[in-house]
């Protein structure tokens, strides 16, 4: 999708490859710096459709690693952790109080 948008902007707007790729990436991540903007009606309609689809794609690509973080082992350790009976939540373990 990113490559397709890059090619489209190269052809429709006459932008160099780097600018087209940059605009496609920035639009897909919804950053929108505003330094480049589509000028033709076709480019504007394409950008609307591309942004809607690209947001979903970027979220889908980014989600799998987020689900695995933090690792399940660390999550389970936190869930099963208990506070010792001699531990006061305000002043710490009994051994540190004098």
Protein backbone atom coordinates (compact mmCIF):
# COMPACT_ATOMS: atom_id res chain seq x y z
CA UNK A 1 0.00 0.00 0.00
CA UNK A 2 2.83 2.37 0.87
CA UNK A 3 4.57 1.67 -2.43
CA UNK A 4 1.32 2.14 -4.36
CA UNK A 5 0.68 5.49 -2.70
CA UNK A 6 4.27 6.54 -3.38
CA UNK A 7 3.88 5.74 -7.07
CA UNK A 8 0.52 7.53 -7.20
CA UNK A 9 1.94 10.73 -5.70
CA UNK A 10 4.92 10.60 -8.04
CA UNK A 11 2.60 10.44 -11.03
CA UNK A 12 -0.29 12.64 -9.87
CA UNK A 13 1.68 15.35 -8.08
CA UNK A 14 5.02 15.10 -9.85
CA UNK A 15 6.87 14.75 -6.55
CA UNK A 16 10.26 13.00 -6.36
CA UNK A 17 10.35 9.47 -4.94
CA UNK A 18 11.58 10.57 -1.51
CA UNK A 19 8.87 13.23 -1.13
CA UNK A 20 6.17 10.84 -2.30
CA UNK A 21 7.29 8.10 0.08
CA UNK A 22 7.61 10.60 2.91
CA UNK A 23 4.11 11.97 2.32
CA UNK A 24 2.60 8.47 2.10
CA UNK A 25 4.31 7.43 5.34
CA UNK A 26 3.43 10.62 7.25
CA UNK A 27 -0.18 10.43 6.05
CA UNK A 28 -0.47 6.75 6.97
CA UNK A 29 0.74 7.44 10.49
CA UNK A 30 -1.63 10.45 10.74
CA UNK A 31 1.27 12.75 11.60
CA UNK A 32 0.52 15.31 8.91
CA UNK A 33 3.29 17.87 9.19
CA UNK A 34 1.72 19.97 6.44
CA UNK A 35 4.90 20.57 4.49
CA UNK A 36 3.46 18.67 1.50
CA UNK A 37 -0.18 18.62 0.46
CA UNK A 38 -2.08 17.19 -2.50
CA UNK A 39 -3.12 19.86 -5.01
CA UNK A 40 -5.37 18.12 -7.53
CA UNK A 41 -8.93 16.92 -6.80
CA UNK A 42 -7.91 13.36 -7.72
CA UNK A 43 -4.98 13.48 -5.29
CA UNK A 44 -7.19 14.85 -2.54
CA UNK A 45 -9.77 12.07 -2.95
CA UNK A 46 -7.01 9.47 -3.14
CA UNK A 47 -5.43 10.85 0.04
CA UNK A 48 -8.72 10.61 1.93
CA UNK A 49 -9.19 6.98 0.92
CA UNK A 50 -5.52 6.13 1.45
CA UNK A 51 -5.50 7.69 4.93
CA UNK A 52 -8.56 5.70 6.00
CA UNK A 53 -7.06 2.43 4.75
CA UNK A 54 -3.49 3.16 5.84
CA UNK A 55 -4.44 3.94 9.42
CA UNK A 56 -5.99 0.48 9.71
CA UNK A 57 -2.96 -1.11 8.08
CA UNK A 58 -0.47 0.63 10.35
CA UNK A 59 -2.51 -0.32 13.43
CA UNK A 60 -2.78 -3.92 12.24
CA UNK A 61 0.95 -4.14 11.60
CA UNK A 62 1.80 -2.52 14.94
CA UNK A 63 -0.65 -4.51 17.08
CA UNK A 64 0.95 -8.00 17.18
CA UNK A 65 4.15 -6.87 18.90
CA UNK A 66 2.18 -4.71 21.33
CA UNK A 67 0.11 -7.69 22.45
CA UNK A 68 3.31 -9.56 23.34
CA UNK A 69 4.65 -6.66 25.42
CA UNK A 70 5.11 -6.93 28.33
CA UNK A 71 5.98 -10.62 28.06
CA UNK A 72 3.44 -13.04 29.51
CA UNK A 73 5.94 -14.23 32.13
CA UNK A 74 6.28 -10.75 33.60
CA UNK A 75 2.51 -10.26 33.60
CA UNK A 76 1.95 -13.58 35.38
CA UNK A 77 4.64 -12.74 37.93
CA UNK A 78 2.91 -9.47 38.77
CA UNK A 79 -0.48 -11.19 39.02
CA UNK A 80 0.78 -13.80 41.48
CA UNK A 81 2.96 -11.52 43.61
CA UNK A 82 1.83 -11.23 47.23
CA UNK A 83 2.71 -8.77 49.96
CA UNK A 84 4.38 -10.40 53.00
CA UNK A 85 2.31 -10.33 56.18
CA UNK A 86 4.90 -8.22 58.03
CA UNK A 87 4.94 -5.56 55.29
CA UNK A 88 3.25 -2.24 56.00
CA UNK A 89 2.29 -0.50 52.76
CA UNK A 90 3.18 2.91 54.16
CA UNK A 91 6.47 2.20 55.94
CA UNK A 92 7.84 -0.89 54.16
CA UNK A 93 8.97 -4.26 55.53
CA UNK A 94 9.06 -4.79 59.29
CA UNK A 95 12.82 -5.39 59.14
CA UNK A 96 13.40 -1.82 57.90
CA UNK A 97 11.30 -0.19 60.68
CA UNK A 98 13.02 0.64 63.96
